[in-house]
Amino acid sequence: MTESAKTSPGLREQRMRRTRRELCHRARQLTIERGLSGFTIDELCADVGVSRRTFFNYFAGKEAAVVGHDADSIDEEALAAFTRGDDDAPTLLDALAELAIATIAAWDEEHDAIDPHALVEREPHLLPHMIGAGRQLETRIIAAIETREGLEAGDPIARTAAAVIGALVGNAGHRFFADPASGRDDFAAILRESVTATRAVCAPNATRTTTPRNTESTP
């Protein structure tokens, strides 16, 4: 087998992923600008430079394009590395944060970040679909944690870790989008700061750097 034959599937997957992301990103932009009923699939395809047939190879309709494809919800290479434990993260939570940062960075290299809350505000009926996509992602994260940590399926550690990082990413995203001048480096800094704070919250009282407030009455 030639070297080009070996690499062709990888290049083809990259092109498919790029097209999928372009369609999703433009669909989200148009939804925020005009609402779902304010543009057609033909307009979306023309903006991205693909045919209707290509669009329907990826998505069932406009709503599906806005929600996005499950394969693009997380950076696959970063997920594989996380699952193998190919990192020097001091805690599981730190490793999960770096996985989230890698995923956001992969999107932002090609696209401006779009606030998912803005999509839901414009089209409230998208909320259940966005929640469903989030649950699918959480299921994948839980499975990766179980493999990485050698845990039995359903172990509460994996479920709790996935829930915590989901909450921290959501909070970091809210703070990120609140400042129009923010860049992806700012998101990473916010998330890492949140992880540090979470570790401090979970530390025994004796190891905290803050001094507890004296609750005794003054004589």
C-alpha atoms as a PDB file:
ATOM      1  CA  MET A   1       0.000   0.000   0.000  1.00  0.00           C
ATOM      2  CA  THR A   2       1.351   3.438  -0.945  1.00  0.00           C
ATOM      3  CA  GLU A   3       1.796   6.214   1.584  1.00  0.00           C
ATOM      4  CA  SER A   4      -0.908   8.294  -0.135  1.00  0.00           C
ATOM      5  CA  ALA A   5      -3.368   5.406   0.116  1.00  0.00           C
ATOM      6  CA  LYS A   6      -2.660   5.148   3.809  1.00  0.00           C
ATOM      7  CA  THR A   7      -3.291   8.847   4.445  1.00  0.00           C
ATOM      8  CA  SER A   8      -6.308   9.331   2.134  1.00  0.00           C
ATOM      9  CA  PRO A   9      -8.963   8.206   4.647  1.00  0.00           C
ATOM     10  CA  GLY A  10      -7.563  10.616   7.215  1.00  0.00           C
ATOM     11  CA  LEU A  11      -7.620  13.513   4.771  1.00  0.00           C
ATOM     12  CA  ARG A  12     -11.139  12.624   3.660  1.00  0.00           C
ATOM     13  CA  GLU A  13     -12.335  12.603   7.273  1.00  0.00           C
ATOM     14  CA  GLN A  14     -10.721  15.994   7.828  1.00  0.00           C
ATOM     15  CA  ARG A  15     -12.556  17.434   4.817  1.00  0.00           C
ATOM     16  CA  MET A  16     -15.850  15.951   5.999  1.00  0.00           C
ATOM     17  CA  ARG A  17     -15.335  17.335   9.489  1.00  0.00           C
ATOM     18  CA  ARG A  18     -14.474  20.767   8.106  1.00  0.00           C
ATOM     19  CA  THR A  19     -17.607  20.844   5.924  1.00  0.00           C
ATOM     20  CA  ARG A  20     -19.785  19.656   8.809  1.00  0.00           C
ATOM     21  CA  ARG A  21     -18.416  22.353  11.092  1.00  0.00           C
ATOM     22  CA  GLU A  22     -18.803  25.045   8.439  1.00  0.00           C
ATOM     23  CA  LEU A  23     -22.455  24.128   7.996  1.00  0.00           C
ATOM     24  CA  CYS A  24     -23.074  24.081  11.748  1.00  0.00           C
ATOM     25  CA  HIS A  25     -21.283  27.369  12.346  1.00  0.00           C
ATOM     26  CA  ARG A  26     -23.083  29.195   9.546  1.00  0.00           C
ATOM     27  CA  ALA A  27     -26.434  27.712  10.593  1.00  0.00           C
ATOM     28  CA  ARG A  28     -25.871  29.059  14.101  1.00  0.00           C
ATOM     29  CA  GLN A  29     -24.892  32.487  12.793  1.00  0.00           C
ATOM     30  CA  LEU A  30     -27.995  32.692  10.596  1.00  0.00           C
ATOM     31  CA  THR A  31     -30.228  31.467  13.418  1.00  0.00           C
ATOM     32  CA  ILE A  32     -29.031  34.201  15.760  1.00  0.00           C
ATOM     33  CA  GLU A  33     -29.304  36.834  13.019  1.00  0.00           C
ATOM     34  CA  ARG A  34     -32.670  35.832  11.528  1.00  0.00           C
ATOM     35  CA  GLY A  35     -34.181  32.925  13.435  1.00  0.00           C
ATOM     36  CA  LEU A  36     -34.604  29.437  12.019  1.00  0.00           C
ATOM     37  CA  SER A  37     -37.456  30.529   9.760  1.00  0.00           C
ATOM     38  CA  GLY A  38     -35.429  33.443   8.430  1.00  0.00           C
ATOM     39  CA  PHE A  39     -33.204  31.443   6.108  1.00  0.00           C
ATOM     40  CA  THR A  40     -33.448  28.406   3.866  1.00  0.00           C
ATOM     41  CA  ILE A  41     -31.253  25.369   3.515  1.00  0.00           C
ATOM     42  CA  ASP A  42     -30.416  26.565   0.003  1.00  0.00           C
ATOM     43  CA  GLU A  43     -29.137  29.875   1.420  1.00  0.00           C
ATOM     44  CA  LEU A  44     -27.089  28.030   4.019  1.00  0.00           C
ATOM     45  CA  CYS A  45     -25.588  25.743   1.389  1.00  0.00           C
ATOM     46  CA  ALA A  46     -24.765  28.695  -0.871  1.00  0.00           C
ATOM     47  CA  ASP A  47     -22.977  30.482   1.966  1.00  0.00           C
ATOM     48  CA  VAL A  48     -20.847  27.430   2.739  1.00  0.00           C
ATOM     49  CA  GLY A  49     -20.387  26.450  -0.911  1.00  0.00           C
ATOM     50  CA  VAL A  50     -21.943  22.980  -0.855  1.00  0.00           C
ATOM     51  CA  SER A  51     -24.945  21.308  -2.491  1.00  0.00           C
ATOM     52  CA  ARG A  52     -28.230  20.397  -0.836  1.00  0.00           C
ATOM     53  CA  ARG A  53     -27.264  16.762  -1.296  1.00  0.00           C
ATOM     54  CA  THR A  54     -24.073  17.351   0.656  1.00  0.00           C
ATOM     55  CA  PHE A  55     -26.004  19.121   3.406  1.00  0.00           C
ATOM     56  CA  PHE A  56     -28.374  16.177   3.845  1.00  0.00           C
ATOM     57  CA  ASN A  57     -25.420  13.804   3.975  1.00  0.00           C
ATOM     58  CA  TYR A  58     -24.607  15.464   7.299  1.00  0.00           C
ATOM     59  CA  PHE A  59     -27.850  16.786   8.760  1.00  0.00           C
ATOM     60  CA  ALA A  60     -31.550  15.956   8.675  1.00  0.00           C
ATOM     61  CA  GLY A  61     -32.529  19.638   8.632  1.00  0.00           C
ATOM     62  CA  LYS A  62     -31.762  23.127   9.904  1.00  0.00           C
ATOM     63  CA  GLU A  63     -32.365  22.310  13.564  1.00  0.00           C
ATOM     64  CA  ALA A  64     -29.958  19.389  13.409  1.00  0.00           C
ATOM     65  CA  ALA A  65     -27.347  21.613  11.774  1.00  0.00           C
ATOM     66  CA  VAL A  66     -27.676  24.193  14.542  1.00  0.00           C
ATOM     67  CA  VAL A  67     -27.365  21.580  17.299  1.00  0.00           C
ATOM     68  CA  GLY A  68     -24.344  20.099  15.544  1.00  0.00           C
ATOM     69  CA  HIS A  69     -22.994  16.628  14.904  1.00  0.00           C
ATOM     70  CA  ASP A  70     -22.089  14.352  17.811  1.00  0.00           C
ATOM     71  CA  ALA A  71     -18.674  13.681  16.268  1.00  0.00           C
ATOM     72  CA  ASP A  72     -17.822  17.384  16.539  1.00  0.00           C
ATOM     73  CA  SER A  73     -18.831  17.812  20.171  1.00  0.00           C
ATOM     74  CA  ILE A  74     -15.362  16.836  21.373  1.00  0.00           C
ATOM     75  CA  ASP A  75     -11.891  16.686  19.873  1.00  0.00           C
ATOM     76  CA  GLU A  76     -11.390  12.999  19.093  1.00  0.00           C
ATOM     77  CA  GLU A  77      -7.591  13.036  19.305  1.00  0.00           C
ATOM     78  CA  ALA A  78      -7.681  14.801  22.651  1.00  0.00           C
ATOM     79  CA  LEU A  79     -10.343  12.370  23.902  1.00  0.00           C
ATOM     80  CA  ALA A  80      -8.225   9.374  22.876  1.00  0.00           C
ATOM     81  CA  ALA A  81      -5.187  10.832  24.647  1.00  0.00           C
ATOM     82  CA  PHE A  82      -7.276  11.542  27.754  1.00  0.00           C
ATOM     83  CA  THR A  83      -8.651   8.001  27.781  1.00  0.00           C
ATOM     84  CA  ARG A  84      -5.120   6.570  27.566  1.00  0.00           C
ATOM     85  CA  GLY A  85      -3.937   8.920  30.302  1.00  0.00           C
ATOM     86  CA  ASP A  86      -1.343  10.512  28.029  1.00  0.00           C
ATOM     87  CA  ASP A  87      -0.917  13.629  30.146  1.00  0.00           C
ATOM     88  CA  ASP A  88       0.710  14.839  33.324  1.00  0.00           C
ATOM     89  CA  ALA A  89      -2.424  16.395  34.820  1.00  0.00           C
ATOM     90  CA  PRO A  90      -2.245  16.404  38.646  1.00  0.00           C
ATOM     91  CA  THR A  91      -5.905  15.375  39.020  1.00  0.00           C
ATOM     92  CA  LEU A  92      -8.693  13.870  36.958  1.00  0.00           C
ATOM     93  CA  LEU A  93     -10.487  17.212  37.022  1.00  0.00           C
ATOM     94  CA  ASP A  94      -7.438  18.974  35.576  1.00  0.00           C
ATOM     95  CA  ALA A  95      -7.240  16.394  32.791  1.00  0.00           C
ATOM     96  CA  LEU A  96     -10.925  16.890  31.983  1.00  0.00           C
ATOM     97  CA  ALA A  97     -10.422  20.652  31.869  1.00  0.00           C
ATOM     98  CA  GLU A  98      -7.570  20.268  29.393  1.00  0.00           C
ATOM     99  CA  LEU A  99      -9.778  18.023  27.262  1.00  0.00           C
ATOM    100  CA  ALA A 100     -12.443  20.742  27.179  1.00  0.00           C
ATOM    101  CA  ILE A 101      -9.852  23.390  26.348  1.00  0.00           C
ATOM    102  CA  ALA A 102      -8.476  21.298  23.482  1.00  0.00           C
ATOM    103  CA  THR A 103     -11.986  20.858  22.077  1.00  0.00           C
ATOM    104  CA  ILE A 104     -12.802  24.570  22.233  1.00  0.00           C
ATOM    105  CA  ALA A 105      -9.425  25.449  20.703  1.00  0.00           C
ATOM    106  CA  ALA A 106     -10.044  23.118  17.759  1.00  0.00           C
ATOM    107  CA  TRP A 107     -13.318  24.916  16.994  1.00  0.00           C
ATOM    108  CA  ASP A 108     -11.975  28.413  17.519  1.00  0.00           C
ATOM    109  CA  GLU A 109      -9.061  27.920  15.160  1.00  0.00           C
ATOM    110  CA  GLU A 110     -11.530  28.139  12.294  1.00  0.00           C
ATOM    111  CA  HIS A 111     -14.623  29.813  13.715  1.00  0.00           C
ATOM    112  CA  ASP A 112     -15.679  32.596  16.009  1.00  0.00           C
ATOM    113  CA  ALA A 113     -17.237  31.277  19.198  1.00  0.00           C
ATOM    114  CA  ILE A 114     -21.036  31.399  19.315  1.00  0.00           C
ATOM    115  CA  ASP A 115     -22.848  31.524  22.638  1.00  0.00           C
ATOM    116  CA  PRO A 116     -25.278  28.574  22.846  1.00  0.00           C
ATOM    117  CA  HIS A 117     -27.447  30.642  25.193  1.00  0.00           C
ATOM    118  CA  ALA A 118     -27.947  33.142  22.381  1.00  0.00           C
ATOM    119  CA  LEU A 119     -29.265  30.348  20.173  1.00  0.00           C
ATOM    120  CA  VAL A 120     -31.755  29.239  22.806  1.00  0.00           C
ATOM    121  CA  GLU A 121     -32.849  32.812  23.478  1.00  0.00           C
ATOM    122  CA  ARG A 122     -33.556  33.247  19.780  1.00  0.00           C
ATOM    123  CA  GLU A 123     -35.188  29.834  19.359  1.00  0.00           C
ATOM    124  CA  PRO A 124     -36.321  28.479  22.765  1.00  0.00           C
ATOM    125  CA  HIS A 125     -37.544  25.201  21.276  1.00  0.00           C
ATOM    126  CA  LEU A 126     -33.915  24.302  20.581  1.00  0.00           C
ATOM    127  CA  LEU A 127     -33.273  23.870  24.303  1.00  0.00           C
ATOM    128  CA  PRO A 128     -34.360  20.196  24.564  1.00  0.00           C
ATOM    129  CA  HIS A 129     -32.209  19.363  21.542  1.00  0.00           C
ATOM    130  CA  MET A 130     -29.193  21.121  23.039  1.00  0.00           C
ATOM    131  CA  ILE A 131     -29.756  19.354  26.363  1.00  0.00           C
ATOM    132  CA  GLY A 132     -29.995  16.017  24.560  1.00  0.00           C
ATOM    133  CA  ALA A 133     -26.702  16.664  22.774  1.00  0.00           C
ATOM    134  CA  GLY A 134     -25.138  17.579  26.113  1.00  0.00           C
ATOM    135  CA  ARG A 135     -26.303  14.304  27.637  1.00  0.00           C
ATOM    136  CA  GLN A 136     -24.828  12.336  24.758  1.00  0.00           C
ATOM    137  CA  LEU A 137     -21.525  14.094  25.280  1.00  0.00           C
ATOM    138  CA  GLU A 138     -21.651  13.435  29.027  1.00  0.00           C
ATOM    139  CA  THR A 139     -22.196   9.731  28.342  1.00  0.00           C
ATOM    140  CA  ARG A 140     -19.064   9.650  26.206  1.00  0.00           C
ATOM    141  CA  ILE A 141     -17.074  11.499  28.854  1.00  0.00           C
ATOM    142  CA  ILE A 142     -18.217   9.094  31.563  1.00  0.00           C
ATOM    143  CA  ALA A 143     -17.153   6.105  29.465  1.00  0.00           C
ATOM    144  CA  ALA A 144     -13.742   7.688  28.834  1.00  0.00           C
ATOM    145  CA  ILE A 145     -13.266   8.377  32.559  1.00  0.00           C
ATOM    146  CA  GLU A 146     -14.183   4.786  33.444  1.00  0.00           C
ATOM    147  CA  THR A 147     -11.614   3.474  30.966  1.00  0.00           C
ATOM    148  CA  ARG A 148      -8.908   5.909  32.044  1.00  0.00           C
ATOM    149  CA  GLU A 149      -9.389   5.247  35.742  1.00  0.00           C
ATOM    150  CA  GLY A 150     -10.141   1.530  35.468  1.00  0.00           C
ATOM    151  CA  LEU A 151     -13.585   1.968  37.016  1.00  0.00           C
ATOM    152  CA  GLU A 152     -16.596  -0.312  36.785  1.00  0.00           C
ATOM    153  CA  ALA A 153     -19.445   0.897  34.610  1.00  0.00           C
ATOM    154  CA  GLY A 154     -21.731   3.150  36.623  1.00  0.00           C
ATOM    155  CA  ASP A 155     -19.099   4.082  39.192  1.00  0.00           C
ATOM    156  CA  PRO A 156     -20.194   7.330  40.898  1.00  0.00           C
ATOM    157  CA  ILE A 157     -16.692   8.794  40.574  1.00  0.00           C
ATOM    158  CA  ALA A 158     -17.012   8.894  36.784  1.00  0.00           C
ATOM    159  CA  ARG A 159     -20.531  10.337  36.870  1.00  0.00           C
ATOM    160  CA  THR A 160     -19.569  12.949  39.445  1.00  0.00           C
ATOM    161  CA  ALA A 161     -16.421  13.997  37.607  1.00  0.00           C
ATOM    162  CA  ALA A 162     -18.376  14.401  34.362  1.00  0.00           C
ATOM    163  CA  ALA A 163     -21.065  16.448  36.118  1.00  0.00           C
ATOM    164  CA  VAL A 164     -18.503  18.694  37.815  1.00  0.00           C
ATOM    165  CA  ILE A 165     -16.522  19.431  34.646  1.00  0.00           C
ATOM    166  CA  GLY A 166     -19.785  20.050  32.795  1.00  0.00           C
ATOM    167  CA  ALA A 167     -20.799  22.635  35.367  1.00  0.00           C
ATOM    168  CA  LEU A 168     -17.373  24.282  35.330  1.00  0.00           C
ATOM    169  CA  VAL A 169     -17.289  24.446  31.533  1.00  0.00           C
ATOM    170  CA  GLY A 170     -20.786  25.944  31.513  1.00  0.00           C
ATOM    171  CA  ASN A 171     -19.802  28.577  34.068  1.00  0.00           C
ATOM    172  CA  ALA A 172     -16.571  29.358  32.213  1.00  0.00           C
ATOM    173  CA  GLY A 173     -18.527  29.714  28.992  1.00  0.00           C
ATOM    174  CA  HIS A 174     -20.987  32.111  30.611  1.00  0.00           C
ATOM    175  CA  ARG A 175     -18.142  34.299  31.860  1.00  0.00           C
ATOM    176  CA  PHE A 176     -16.351  34.024  28.524  1.00  0.00           C
ATOM    177  CA  PHE A 177     -19.320  35.165  26.449  1.00  0.00           C
ATOM    178  CA  ALA A 178     -20.118  37.967  28.884  1.00  0.00           C
ATOM    179  CA  ASP A 179     -16.959  39.738  27.694  1.00  0.00           C
ATOM    180  CA  PRO A 180     -16.985  40.364  23.893  1.00  0.00           C
ATOM    181  CA  ALA A 181     -13.227  40.941  23.968  1.00  0.00           C
ATOM    182  CA  SER A 182     -12.489  37.454  25.296  1.00  0.00           C
ATOM    183  CA  GLY A 183     -10.419  35.002  23.255  1.00  0.00           C
ATOM    184  CA  ARG A 184      -9.913  31.271  23.543  1.00  0.00           C
ATOM    185  CA  ASP A 185      -6.904  31.819  25.810  1.00  0.00           C
ATOM    186  CA  ASP A 186      -9.223  33.651  28.189  1.00  0.00           C
ATOM    187  CA  PHE A 187     -11.608  30.689  28.225  1.00  0.00           C
ATOM    188  CA  ALA A 188      -8.721  28.376  29.094  1.00  0.00           C
ATOM    189  CA  ALA A 189      -7.593  30.671  31.897  1.00  0.00           C
ATOM    190  CA  ILE A 190     -11.117  30.947  33.315  1.00  0.00           C
ATOM    191  CA  LEU A 191     -11.637  27.188  33.266  1.00  0.00           C
ATOM    192  CA  ARG A 192      -8.260  26.435  34.854  1.00  0.00           C
ATOM    193  CA  GLU A 193      -8.986  29.031  37.525  1.00  0.00           C
ATOM    194  CA  SER A 194     -12.323  27.349  38.211  1.00  0.00           C
ATOM    195  CA  VAL A 195     -10.644  23.955  38.553  1.00  0.00           C
ATOM    196  CA  THR A 196      -8.159  25.394  41.038  1.00  0.00           C
ATOM    197  CA  ALA A 197     -11.003  26.919  43.041  1.00  0.00           C
ATOM    198  CA  THR A 198     -12.894  23.625  43.008  1.00  0.00           C
ATOM    199  CA  ARG A 199      -9.885  21.773  44.361  1.00  0.00           C
ATOM    200  CA  ALA A 200      -9.636  24.368  47.133  1.00  0.00           C
ATOM    201  CA  VAL A 201     -13.316  23.980  47.998  1.00  0.00           C
ATOM    202  CA  CYS A 202     -12.865  20.216  48.330  1.00  0.00           C
ATOM    203  CA  ALA A 203      -9.659  20.440  50.388  1.00  0.00           C
ATOM    204  CA  PRO A 204      -9.745  19.770  54.151  1.00  0.00           C
ATOM    205  CA  ASN A 205     -10.151  22.921  56.236  1.00  0.00           C
ATOM    206  CA  ALA A 206      -6.598  22.638  57.569  1.00  0.00           C
ATOM    207  CA  THR A 207      -5.120  23.002  54.080  1.00  0.00           C
ATOM    208  CA  ARG A 208      -7.106  26.018  52.956  1.00  0.00           C
ATOM    209  CA  THR A 209      -5.288  29.309  52.612  1.00  0.00           C
ATOM    210  CA  THR A 210      -8.162  31.428  53.893  1.00  0.00           C
ATOM    211  CA  THR A 211      -8.797  31.962  57.586  1.00  0.00           C
ATOM    212  CA  PRO A 212     -12.230  30.798  58.803  1.00  0.00           C
ATOM    213  CA  ARG A 213     -14.422  33.539  60.238  1.00  0.00           C
ATOM    214  CA  ASN A 214     -14.589  33.562  64.023  1.00  0.00           C
ATOM    215  CA  THR A 215     -18.168  32.758  65.010  1.00  0.00           C
ATOM    216  CA  GLU A 216     -17.654  33.064  68.755  1.00  0.00           C
ATOM    217  CA  SER A 217     -19.290  35.983  70.544  1.00  0.00           C
ATOM    218  CA  THR A 218     -17.016  38.798  71.646  1.00  0.00           C
ATOM    219  CA  PRO A 219     -16.971  39.059  75.466  1.00  0.00           C
END
